[in-house]
C-alpha atoms as a PDB file:
ATOM      1  CA  MET A   1     -98.258   4.312   0.585  1.00  0.00           C
ATOM      2  CA  ASN A   2     -96.506   5.911   3.654  1.00  0.00           C
ATOM      3  CA  LYS A   3     -93.751   3.219   3.628  1.00  0.00           C
ATOM      4  CA  LEU A   4     -93.182   3.842  -0.086  1.00  0.00           C
ATOM      5  CA  ILE A   5     -92.862   7.618   0.580  1.00  0.00           C
ATOM      6  CA  LEU A   6     -90.408   6.911   3.617  1.00  0.00           C
ATOM      7  CA  LEU A   7     -88.260   4.555   1.644  1.00  0.00           C
ATOM      8  CA  THR A   8     -87.868   6.955  -1.214  1.00  0.00           C
ATOM      9  CA  GLN A   9     -86.901   9.803   1.088  1.00  0.00           C
ATOM     10  CA  SER A  10     -84.360   7.539   2.860  1.00  0.00           C
ATOM     11  CA  ASN A  11     -82.628   6.774  -0.477  1.00  0.00           C
ATOM     12  CA  SER A  12     -82.551  10.425  -1.549  1.00  0.00           C
ATOM     13  CA  LEU A  13     -80.942  11.151   1.803  1.00  0.00           C
ATOM     14  CA  LYS A  14     -78.304   8.463   1.219  1.00  0.00           C
ATOM     15  CA  GLU A  15     -77.626   9.663  -2.211  1.00  0.00           C
ATOM     16  CA  GLU A  16     -77.176  13.344  -1.000  1.00  0.00           C
ATOM     17  CA  LEU A  17     -74.804  11.958   1.805  1.00  0.00           C
ATOM     18  CA  GLN A  18     -72.773  10.238  -0.767  1.00  0.00           C
ATOM     19  CA  ASP A  19     -72.528  13.094  -2.828  1.00  0.00           C
ATOM     20  CA  LEU A  20     -71.323  15.205  -0.003  1.00  0.00           C
ATOM     21  CA  GLU A  21     -68.713  12.707   0.923  1.00  0.00           C
ATOM     22  CA  LEU A  22     -67.666  12.520  -2.809  1.00  0.00           C
ATOM     23  CA  ASN A  23     -67.506  16.354  -2.903  1.00  0.00           C
ATOM     24  CA  LYS A  24     -65.350  16.354   0.357  1.00  0.00           C
ATOM     25  CA  PHE A  25     -62.944  13.793  -1.026  1.00  0.00           C
ATOM     26  CA  MET A  26     -62.605  15.678  -4.352  1.00  0.00           C
ATOM     27  CA  SER A  27     -62.074  18.729  -2.550  1.00  0.00           C
ATOM     28  CA  LYS A  28     -59.274  17.134  -0.503  1.00  0.00           C
ATOM     29  CA  LEU A  29     -57.715  15.757  -3.476  1.00  0.00           C
ATOM     30  CA  SER A  30     -57.791  19.102  -5.132  1.00  0.00           C
ATOM     31  CA  LYS A  31     -56.145  20.640  -2.081  1.00  0.00           C
ATOM     32  CA  LEU A  32     -53.503  17.986  -2.045  1.00  0.00           C
ATOM     33  CA  TRP A  33     -52.853  18.642  -5.699  1.00  0.00           C
ATOM     34  CA  ASP A  34     -52.754  22.269  -5.295  1.00  0.00           C
ATOM     35  CA  ASP A  35     -50.239  21.849  -2.446  1.00  0.00           C
ATOM     36  CA  PHE A  36     -48.091  19.357  -4.252  1.00  0.00           C
ATOM     37  CA  TRP A  37     -46.597  21.706  -6.817  1.00  0.00           C
ATOM     38  CA  PRO A  38     -45.251  24.397  -4.403  1.00  0.00           C
ATOM     39  CA  LYS A  39     -43.803  21.546  -2.246  1.00  0.00           C
ATOM     40  CA  ALA A  40     -42.330  19.768  -5.413  1.00  0.00           C
ATOM     41  CA  LEU A  41     -40.964  22.997  -6.605  1.00  0.00           C
ATOM     42  CA  HIS A  42     -39.444  23.671  -3.184  1.00  0.00           C
ATOM     43  CA  PHE A  43     -37.957  20.170  -3.025  1.00  0.00           C
ATOM     44  CA  LEU A  44     -36.498  20.515  -6.554  1.00  0.00           C
ATOM     45  CA  PHE A  45     -35.016  23.912  -5.511  1.00  0.00           C
ATOM     46  CA  LEU A  46     -33.389  22.359  -2.479  1.00  0.00           C
ATOM     47  CA  LEU A  47     -32.202  19.434  -4.568  1.00  0.00           C
ATOM     48  CA  LEU A  48     -30.606  21.824  -7.172  1.00  0.00           C
ATOM     49  CA  ILE A  49     -28.878  23.827  -4.401  1.00  0.00           C
ATOM     50  CA  SER A  50     -27.691  20.492  -2.737  1.00  0.00           C
ATOM     51  CA  LEU A  51     -26.165  19.534  -6.135  1.00  0.00           C
ATOM     52  CA  LEU A  52     -24.617  22.870  -6.569  1.00  0.00           C
ATOM     53  CA  ILE A  53     -23.141  22.431  -3.001  1.00  0.00           C
ATOM     54  CA  TYR A  54     -21.767  19.006  -4.093  1.00  0.00           C
ATOM     55  CA  VAL A  55     -20.145  20.424  -7.112  1.00  0.00           C
ATOM     56  CA  VAL A  56     -18.647  23.412  -5.450  1.00  0.00           C
ATOM     57  CA  GLY A  57     -17.630  21.290  -2.414  1.00  0.00           C
ATOM     58  CA  LYS A  58     -16.099  18.634  -4.491  1.00  0.00           C
ATOM     59  CA  LYS A  59     -13.842  21.409  -6.229  1.00  0.00           C
ATOM     60  CA  LEU A  60     -12.994  23.102  -2.952  1.00  0.00           C
ATOM     61  CA  ILE A  61     -11.928  19.766  -1.500  1.00  0.00           C
ATOM     62  CA  LYS A  62      -9.645  19.016  -4.520  1.00  0.00           C
ATOM     63  CA  LEU A  63      -8.192  22.579  -4.324  1.00  0.00           C
ATOM     64  CA  LEU A  64      -7.556  22.173  -0.542  1.00  0.00           C
ATOM     65  CA  VAL A  65      -6.012  18.801  -1.058  1.00  0.00           C
ATOM     66  CA  LYS A  66      -3.707  20.259  -3.851  1.00  0.00           C
ATOM     67  CA  ILE A  67      -2.639  23.003  -1.393  1.00  0.00           C
ATOM     68  CA  VAL A  68      -1.959  20.597   1.434  1.00  0.00           C
ATOM     69  CA  ARG A  69      -0.017  18.218  -0.959  1.00  0.00           C
ATOM     70  CA  LYS A  70       2.261  21.030  -2.207  1.00  0.00           C
ATOM     71  CA  THR A  71       2.785  22.348   1.504  1.00  0.00           C
ATOM     72  CA  PHE A  72       3.941  18.672   2.496  1.00  0.00           C
ATOM     73  CA  GLU A  73       6.099  18.495  -0.649  1.00  0.00           C
ATOM     74  CA  ARG A  74       7.788  21.939   0.375  1.00  0.00           C
ATOM     75  CA  ALA A  75       8.223  20.617   4.036  1.00  0.00           C
ATOM     76  CA  LYS A  76       9.868  17.378   2.465  1.00  0.00           C
ATOM     77  CA  MET A  77       7.517  15.318   4.440  1.00  0.00           C
ATOM     78  CA  ASP A  78       7.825  11.631   3.977  1.00  0.00           C
ATOM     79  CA  VAL A  79       5.578  10.314   0.926  1.00  0.00           C
ATOM     80  CA  GLY A  80       3.846   7.554   2.984  1.00  0.00           C
ATOM     81  CA  VAL A  81       2.861  10.076   5.745  1.00  0.00           C
ATOM     82  CA  SER A  82       1.877  12.511   3.234  1.00  0.00           C
ATOM     83  CA  ASN A  83      -0.480  10.207   1.346  1.00  0.00           C
ATOM     84  CA  PHE A  84      -1.990   8.772   4.564  1.00  0.00           C
ATOM     85  CA  LEU A  85      -2.708  12.461   6.047  1.00  0.00           C
ATOM     86  CA  ILE A  86      -4.260  13.549   2.687  1.00  0.00           C
ATOM     87  CA  SER A  87      -6.339  10.294   2.660  1.00  0.00           C
ATOM     88  CA  VAL A  88      -7.751  11.084   6.178  1.00  0.00           C
ATOM     89  CA  LEU A  89      -8.412  14.859   5.197  1.00  0.00           C
ATOM     90  CA  LYS A  90     -10.395  13.807   2.105  1.00  0.00           C
ATOM     91  CA  ALA A  91     -12.387  11.327   4.208  1.00  0.00           C
ATOM     92  CA  ILE A  92     -13.273  14.233   6.860  1.00  0.00           C
ATOM     93  CA  CYS A  93     -13.958  16.628   4.097  1.00  0.00           C
ATOM     94  CA  TYR A  94     -16.416  14.473   2.141  1.00  0.00           C
ATOM     95  CA  GLY A  95     -18.071  13.608   5.379  1.00  0.00           C
ATOM     96  CA  LEU A  96     -18.647  17.185   6.291  1.00  0.00           C
ATOM     97  CA  LEU A  97     -19.844  17.814   2.657  1.00  0.00           C
ATOM     98  CA  LEU A  98     -22.416  14.835   3.062  1.00  0.00           C
ATOM     99  CA  ILE A  99     -23.778  16.365   6.273  1.00  0.00           C
ATOM    100  CA  THR A 100     -24.113  19.674   4.741  1.00  0.00           C
ATOM    101  CA  ILE A 101     -26.145  18.441   1.944  1.00  0.00           C
ATOM    102  CA  ALA A 102     -28.313  16.360   4.374  1.00  0.00           C
ATOM    103  CA  ALA A 103     -29.040  19.574   6.149  1.00  0.00           C
ATOM    104  CA  THR A 104     -29.856  21.492   3.087  1.00  0.00           C
ATOM    105  CA  LEU A 105     -32.323  18.755   2.196  1.00  0.00           C
ATOM    106  CA  GLY A 106     -34.090  19.362   5.517  1.00  0.00           C
ATOM    107  CA  LEU A 107     -32.856  16.115   6.968  1.00  0.00           C
ATOM    108  CA  PRO A 108     -32.346  16.052  10.719  1.00  0.00           C
ATOM    109  CA  THR A 109     -28.583  16.184  11.091  1.00  0.00           C
ATOM    110  CA  THR A 110     -28.546  14.621  14.567  1.00  0.00           C
ATOM    111  CA  SER A 111     -30.252  11.481  13.395  1.00  0.00           C
ATOM    112  CA  PHE A 112     -28.245  11.453  10.191  1.00  0.00           C
ATOM    113  CA  VAL A 113     -24.904  11.718  12.230  1.00  0.00           C
ATOM    114  CA  ALA A 114     -26.315   8.960  14.554  1.00  0.00           C
ATOM    115  CA  LEU A 115     -27.103   6.750  11.524  1.00  0.00           C
ATOM    116  CA  LEU A 116     -23.559   7.261  10.257  1.00  0.00           C
ATOM    117  CA  GLY A 117     -22.188   6.318  13.499  1.00  0.00           C
ATOM    118  CA  SER A 118     -24.185   3.223  13.792  1.00  0.00           C
ATOM    119  CA  ILE A 119     -23.340   2.267  10.010  1.00  0.00           C
ATOM    120  CA  GLY A 120     -19.459   2.865  10.939  1.00  0.00           C
ATOM    121  CA  LEU A 121     -19.707   0.744  14.014  1.00  0.00           C
ATOM    122  CA  THR A 122     -21.360  -2.102  12.053  1.00  0.00           C
ATOM    123  CA  ILE A 123     -18.841  -1.896   9.152  1.00  0.00           C
ATOM    124  CA  GLY A 124     -16.104  -1.803  11.895  1.00  0.00           C
ATOM    125  CA  LEU A 125     -17.303  -4.991  13.329  1.00  0.00           C
ATOM    126  CA  ALA A 126     -17.413  -6.670  10.049  1.00  0.00           C
ATOM    127  CA  LEU A 127     -14.016  -5.403   8.989  1.00  0.00           C
ATOM    128  CA  GLN A 128     -11.870  -6.177  12.243  1.00  0.00           C
ATOM    129  CA  GLY A 129      -8.900  -7.424   9.790  1.00  0.00           C
ATOM    130  CA  SER A 130      -8.990  -4.063   8.002  1.00  0.00           C
ATOM    131  CA  LEU A 131      -8.960  -2.027  11.192  1.00  0.00           C
ATOM    132  CA  SER A 132      -5.982  -3.979  12.283  1.00  0.00           C
ATOM    133  CA  ASN A 133      -4.433  -3.217   8.824  1.00  0.00           C
ATOM    134  CA  PHE A 134      -5.301   0.446   9.491  1.00  0.00           C
ATOM    135  CA  ALA A 135      -3.619   0.453  12.907  1.00  0.00           C
ATOM    136  CA  GLY A 136      -0.652  -1.191  11.332  1.00  0.00           C
ATOM    137  CA  GLY A 137      -0.499   1.460   8.816  1.00  0.00           C
ATOM    138  CA  VAL A 138      -0.581   4.167  11.403  1.00  0.00           C
ATOM    139  CA  LEU A 139       2.277   2.367  13.393  1.00  0.00           C
ATOM    140  CA  ILE A 140       4.356   2.097  10.091  1.00  0.00           C
ATOM    141  CA  LEU A 141       3.930   5.827   9.450  1.00  0.00           C
ATOM    142  CA  ILE A 142       4.791   6.694  12.939  1.00  0.00           C
ATOM    143  CA  LEU A 143       7.837   4.472  13.570  1.00  0.00           C
ATOM    144  CA  LYS A 144       8.934   4.535   9.942  1.00  0.00           C
ATOM    145  CA  PRO A 145      10.678   1.115   9.757  1.00  0.00           C
ATOM    146  CA  PHE A 146      10.937   1.668   6.038  1.00  0.00           C
ATOM    147  CA  ARG A 147       9.841   4.565   3.448  1.00  0.00           C
ATOM    148  CA  VAL A 148       8.690   4.669   0.099  1.00  0.00           C
ATOM    149  CA  GLY A 149      11.746   3.914  -2.073  1.00  0.00           C
ATOM    150  CA  ASP A 150      13.395   1.488   0.352  1.00  0.00           C
ATOM    151  CA  PHE A 151      14.262  -2.010  -0.584  1.00  0.00           C
ATOM    152  CA  ILE A 152      12.843  -4.378   2.185  1.00  0.00           C
ATOM    153  CA  ASN A 153      12.636  -8.118   2.662  1.00  0.00           C
ATOM    154  CA  VAL A 154       9.515  -9.364   4.345  1.00  0.00           C
ATOM    155  CA  LYS A 155       9.064 -13.183   4.852  1.00  0.00           C
ATOM    156  CA  GLY A 156      10.874 -13.792   1.616  1.00  0.00           C
ATOM    157  CA  ASN A 157       9.231 -11.151  -0.282  1.00  0.00           C
ATOM    158  CA  GLU A 158      11.812  -8.831  -1.427  1.00  0.00           C
ATOM    159  CA  GLY A 159      11.195  -5.599  -3.386  1.00  0.00           C
ATOM    160  CA  THR A 160      11.310  -1.810  -3.418  1.00  0.00           C
ATOM    161  CA  VAL A 161       8.312  -0.022  -1.569  1.00  0.00           C
ATOM    162  CA  ILE A 162       6.426   1.960  -4.017  1.00  0.00           C
ATOM    163  CA  ALA A 163       3.220   2.900  -1.910  1.00  0.00           C
ATOM    164  CA  ILE A 164       2.193   2.811   1.716  1.00  0.00           C
ATOM    165  CA  ASP A 165      -1.540   3.071   1.797  1.00  0.00           C
ATOM    166  CA  ILE A 166      -3.917   3.150   4.798  1.00  0.00           C
ATOM    167  CA  PHE A 167      -4.477  -0.570   4.774  1.00  0.00           C
ATOM    168  CA  TYR A 168      -1.807  -1.996   2.526  1.00  0.00           C
ATOM    169  CA  THR A 169       1.828  -1.519   1.496  1.00  0.00           C
ATOM    170  CA  LYS A 170       2.887  -2.349  -2.063  1.00  0.00           C
ATOM    171  CA  ILE A 171       6.333  -3.456  -3.096  1.00  0.00           C
ATOM    172  CA  LEU A 172       7.789  -4.104  -6.617  1.00  0.00           C
ATOM    173  CA  THR A 173      10.138  -7.103  -6.888  1.00  0.00           C
ATOM    174  CA  ILE A 174      13.208  -7.298  -8.915  1.00  0.00           C
ATOM    175  CA  GLU A 175      11.263  -9.295 -11.482  1.00  0.00           C
ATOM    176  CA  ASN A 176       8.786  -6.362 -11.640  1.00  0.00           C
ATOM    177  CA  LYS A 177       6.084  -8.269  -9.863  1.00  0.00           C
ATOM    178  CA  LEU A 178       3.854  -6.218  -7.527  1.00  0.00           C
ATOM    179  CA  VAL A 179       3.317  -7.662  -4.041  1.00  0.00           C
ATOM    180  CA  VAL A 180       0.625  -6.119  -1.742  1.00  0.00           C
ATOM    181  CA  LEU A 181       1.237  -6.694   1.912  1.00  0.00           C
ATOM    182  CA  PRO A 182      -1.428  -5.941   4.724  1.00  0.00           C
ATOM    183  CA  ASN A 183      -0.055  -3.617   7.000  1.00  0.00           C
ATOM    184  CA  GLY A 184      -1.216  -5.348  10.046  1.00  0.00           C
ATOM    185  CA  THR A 185       1.106  -8.338   9.133  1.00  0.00           C
ATOM    186  CA  LEU A 186       3.860  -6.046   8.291  1.00  0.00           C
ATOM    187  CA  ALA A 187       3.654  -4.253  11.862  1.00  0.00           C
ATOM    188  CA  ASN A 188       4.117  -7.544  13.365  1.00  0.00           C
ATOM    189  CA  SER A 189       6.762  -9.053  11.131  1.00  0.00           C
ATOM    190  CA  GLU A 190      10.478  -9.017  10.960  1.00  0.00           C
ATOM    191  CA  ILE A 191      11.452  -6.556   8.287  1.00  0.00           C
ATOM    192  CA  THR A 192      15.108  -6.268   6.689  1.00  0.00           C
ATOM    193  CA  ASN A 193      15.655  -2.755   5.165  1.00  0.00           C
ATOM    194  CA  ALA A 194      18.500  -2.916   2.918  1.00  0.00           C
ATOM    195  CA  THR A 195      18.449   0.682   1.897  1.00  0.00           C
ATOM    196  CA  ASN A 196      17.985   2.236   5.234  1.00  0.00           C
ATOM    197  CA  GLU A 197      21.603   3.428   5.563  1.00  0.00           C
ATOM    198  CA  PRO A 198      23.548   5.416   2.872  1.00  0.00           C
ATOM    199  CA  ILE A 199      26.404   2.759   2.829  1.00  0.00           C
ATOM    200  CA  ARG A 200      26.803  -0.923   3.106  1.00  0.00           C
ATOM    201  CA  ARG A 201      29.347  -3.485   3.576  1.00  0.00           C
ATOM    202  CA  LEU A 202      29.723  -6.033   0.753  1.00  0.00           C
ATOM    203  CA  ASP A 203      30.911  -9.433   1.801  1.00  0.00           C
ATOM    204  CA  LEU A 204      32.271 -12.100  -0.817  1.00  0.00           C
ATOM    205  CA  ILE A 205      33.681 -15.527   0.000  1.00  0.00           C
ATOM    206  CA  ILE A 206      36.305 -16.360  -2.623  1.00  0.00           C
ATOM    207  CA  PRO A 207      37.492 -19.921  -2.735  1.00  0.00           C
ATOM    208  CA  ILE A 208      40.940 -20.944  -3.715  1.00  0.00           C
ATOM    209  CA  GLY A 209      42.678 -24.218  -4.132  1.00  0.00           C
ATOM    210  CA  TYR A 210      44.881 -25.493  -1.288  1.00  0.00           C
ATOM    211  CA  ASP A 211      47.895 -25.443  -3.541  1.00  0.00           C
ATOM    212  CA  ASP A 212      47.519 -21.493  -4.361  1.00  0.00           C
ATOM    213  CA  ASP A 213      49.556 -18.994  -2.544  1.00  0.00           C
ATOM    214  CA  ILE A 214      47.196 -17.151   0.025  1.00  0.00           C
ATOM    215  CA  LYS A 215      49.506 -13.989   0.292  1.00  0.00           C
ATOM    216  CA  SER A 216      49.555 -13.725  -3.542  1.00  0.00           C
ATOM    217  CA  VAL A 217      45.768 -14.038  -3.893  1.00  0.00           C
ATOM    218  CA  LYS A 218      45.351 -11.579  -1.230  1.00  0.00           C
ATOM    219  CA  GLN A 219      47.539  -8.997  -2.770  1.00  0.00           C
ATOM    220  CA  GLU A 220      45.657  -9.366  -6.245  1.00  0.00           C
ATOM    221  CA  LEU A 221      42.194  -8.908  -4.497  1.00  0.00           C
ATOM    222  CA  PHE A 222      43.544  -5.839  -2.767  1.00  0.00           C
ATOM    223  CA  LEU A 223      44.824  -4.455  -6.167  1.00  0.00           C
ATOM    224  CA  ILE A 224      41.273  -5.127  -7.514  1.00  0.00           C
ATOM    225  CA  SER A 225      39.780  -3.189  -4.681  1.00  0.00           C
ATOM    226  CA  GLN A 226      41.988  -0.214  -5.319  1.00  0.00           C
ATOM    227  CA  ARG A 227      41.041  -0.003  -9.147  1.00  0.00           C
ATOM    228  CA  ASN A 228      37.236   0.059  -8.545  1.00  0.00           C
ATOM    229  CA  ASP A 229      35.873   3.506  -7.984  1.00  0.00           C
ATOM    230  CA  LYS A 230      32.540   2.220  -6.319  1.00  0.00           C
ATOM    231  CA  ILE A 231      34.482   0.996  -3.394  1.00  0.00           C
ATOM    232  CA  LEU A 232      34.779   3.605  -0.580  1.00  0.00           C
ATOM    233  CA  MET A 233      38.495   3.574   0.228  1.00  0.00           C
ATOM    234  CA  ASP A 234      38.002   5.734   3.376  1.00  0.00           C
ATOM    235  CA  HIS A 235      36.653   2.662   4.835  1.00  0.00           C
ATOM    236  CA  PRO A 236      38.873  -0.431   5.384  1.00  0.00           C
ATOM    237  CA  VAL A 237      39.209  -3.292   2.956  1.00  0.00           C
ATOM    238  CA  ASP A 238      39.360  -6.565   4.827  1.00  0.00           C
ATOM    239  CA  LEU A 239      40.995  -9.703   3.408  1.00  0.00           C
ATOM    240  CA  PHE A 240      41.361 -12.857   5.501  1.00  0.00           C
ATOM    241  CA  VAL A 241      41.098 -16.582   5.565  1.00  0.00           C
ATOM    242  CA  SER A 242      37.564 -17.330   6.852  1.00  0.00           C
ATOM    243  CA  GLY A 243      37.548 -21.153   6.787  1.00  0.00           C
ATOM    244  CA  TYR A 244      38.719 -24.507   5.320  1.00  0.00           C
ATOM    245  CA  GLY A 245      36.300 -26.252   3.061  1.00  0.00           C
ATOM    246  CA  LYS A 246      36.368 -29.654   1.736  1.00  0.00           C
ATOM    247  CA  ASP A 247      37.943 -28.601  -1.441  1.00  0.00           C
ATOM    248  CA  ALA A 248      38.891 -24.999  -0.920  1.00  0.00           C
ATOM    249  CA  VAL A 249      40.543 -22.467   1.306  1.00  0.00           C
ATOM    250  CA  GLU A 250      37.924 -19.702   1.882  1.00  0.00           C
ATOM    251  CA  ILE A 251      39.020 -16.029   1.831  1.00  0.00           C
ATOM    252  CA  SER A 252      36.600 -13.303   2.890  1.00  0.00           C
ATOM    253  CA  MET A 253      36.798 -10.006   1.120  1.00  0.00           C
ATOM    254  CA  ARG A 254      34.909  -7.258   2.972  1.00  0.00           C
ATOM    255  CA  VAL A 255      34.507  -3.682   1.189  1.00  0.00           C
ATOM    256  CA  TRP A 256      32.200  -0.660   1.767  1.00  0.00           C
ATOM    257  CA  VAL A 257      30.152   0.857  -0.917  1.00  0.00           C
ATOM    258  CA  LYS A 258      27.261   3.203  -1.377  1.00  0.00           C
ATOM    259  CA  THR A 259      23.952   1.358  -0.864  1.00  0.00           C
ATOM    260  CA  GLU A 260      22.779   2.157  -4.430  1.00  0.00           C
ATOM    261  CA  ASP A 261      26.001   0.713  -5.972  1.00  0.00           C
ATOM    262  CA  CYS A 262      25.909  -2.581  -3.961  1.00  0.00           C
ATOM    263  CA  PHE A 263      24.289  -4.921  -6.442  1.00  0.00           C
ATOM    264  CA  VAL A 264      26.296  -3.438  -9.394  1.00  0.00           C
ATOM    265  CA  LEU A 265      29.528  -3.712  -7.630  1.00  0.00           C
ATOM    266  CA  LYS A 266      29.053  -7.351  -6.528  1.00  0.00           C
ATOM    267  CA  GLY A 267      28.743  -8.405 -10.218  1.00  0.00           C
ATOM    268  CA  GLU A 268      31.682  -6.287 -11.251  1.00  0.00           C
ATOM    269  CA  LEU A 269      33.920  -7.741  -8.541  1.00  0.00           C
ATOM    270  CA  LEU A 270      32.856 -11.497  -9.216  1.00  0.00           C
ATOM    271  CA  GLU A 271      33.578 -10.888 -12.986  1.00  0.00           C
ATOM    272  CA  THR A 272      37.026  -9.177 -12.408  1.00  0.00           C
ATOM    273  CA  ILE A 273      38.073 -11.751  -9.786  1.00  0.00           C
ATOM    274  CA  LYS A 274      37.414 -14.701 -12.352  1.00  0.00           C
ATOM    275  CA  TYR A 275      39.385 -12.919 -14.960  1.00  0.00           C
ATOM    276  CA  MET A 276      42.267 -12.345 -12.538  1.00  0.00           C
ATOM    277  CA  PHE A 277      42.358 -16.051 -11.520  1.00  0.00           C
ATOM    278  CA  ASP A 278      42.435 -17.180 -15.251  1.00  0.00           C
ATOM    279  CA  GLU A 279      45.470 -14.690 -15.797  1.00  0.00           C
ATOM    280  CA  LYS A 280      47.541 -15.510 -12.542  1.00  0.00           C
ATOM    281  CA  GLY A 281      46.827 -19.290 -12.752  1.00  0.00           C
ATOM    282  CA  PHE A 282      44.993 -19.380  -9.496  1.00  0.00           C
ATOM    283  CA  THR A 283      42.265 -22.087  -9.280  1.00  0.00           C
ATOM    284  CA  ILE A 284      38.693 -21.948  -8.433  1.00  0.00           C
ATOM    285  CA  PRO A 285      37.991 -25.401  -6.831  1.00  0.00           C
ATOM    286  CA  PHE A 286      34.809 -27.305  -7.508  1.00  0.00           C
ATOM    287  CA  ASN A 287      33.516 -30.705  -6.577  1.00  0.00           C
ATOM    288  CA  GLN A 288      34.870 -33.652  -8.584  1.00  0.00           C
ATOM    289  CA  MET A 289      34.159 -37.255  -8.610  1.00  0.00           C
ATOM    290  CA  ASP A 290      36.895 -39.825  -9.889  1.00  0.00           C
ATOM    291  CA  VAL A 291      35.299 -42.986 -11.183  1.00  0.00           C
ATOM    292  CA  THR A 292      37.671 -46.069 -11.417  1.00  0.00           C
ATOM    293  CA  VAL A 293      36.393 -48.895 -13.705  1.00  0.00           C
ATOM    294  CA  VAL A 294      37.901 -52.321 -12.782  1.00  0.00           C
ATOM    295  CA  SER A 295      37.456 -54.967 -15.477  1.00  0.00           C
ATOM    296  CA  GLU A 296      37.790 -58.621 -14.935  1.00  0.00           C
ATOM    297  CA  LYS A 297      38.675 -61.042 -17.750  1.00  0.00           C
ATOM    298  CA  VAL A 298      35.945 -63.690 -17.908  1.00  0.00           C
ATOM    299  CA  ALA A 299      37.577 -67.192 -17.652  1.00  0.00           C
ATOM    300  CA  LYS A 300      36.915 -69.419 -20.541  1.00  0.00           C
END
């Protein structure tokens, strides 16, 4: 009987302890629930503030970039240098904006900056070629072997430079094809800049027949140069025999012209010279082959 009473009391004590533990758990859960809303509302408030900072900061960055761009345009800064500096400015401004938002949300900025540094180092190791292109872009903008608008030739790629970006340079060929060249390759390549100087010398080789009078041909070529207003007459016009070919005497014609008129003038001179040769009876030699057919009578 006593054992039964003791067992009943023990079960009642266990039930009371379980109820007490359950009450404590429910009390903690209720306290966590009550604390959740103030913290959630506070985080939501910080999130809205961060969003406002992002929107305002983005507009301020655009305004700053616009002001800096106009300042560069007034200073007549090179377009490539201007675009490069503006790209760097935007990267710095957006980095500062990101750090500001992180600080507003309560994130430790020192750890955040360290995290950005480690990410940047990892990306830098993974993109060594891109860093080489970046360094090449900096060298191009400092040394200025060419500028936006120049006509260049790099390893057979000819075209007008339309953009010098941080990593790549874009040129537009005569056939209106876009060629994108890495700045790292450009910085270590031989570059021919055809429009670096305001004037250029145009060299033509005019072949004439061995039976043609050299003095008469030179006189007619000189008259042609006098009549074309694209040729700069304050520079010498050179006409001389430059060689003897298998079929022709080669006469060199050298004239000076404004860089932008060079290609047009070349076509005009070649066409005018052909008409002059036809009119004056001069010959333009070309390769010929004489074939002699020998027929033999078949003996019957």
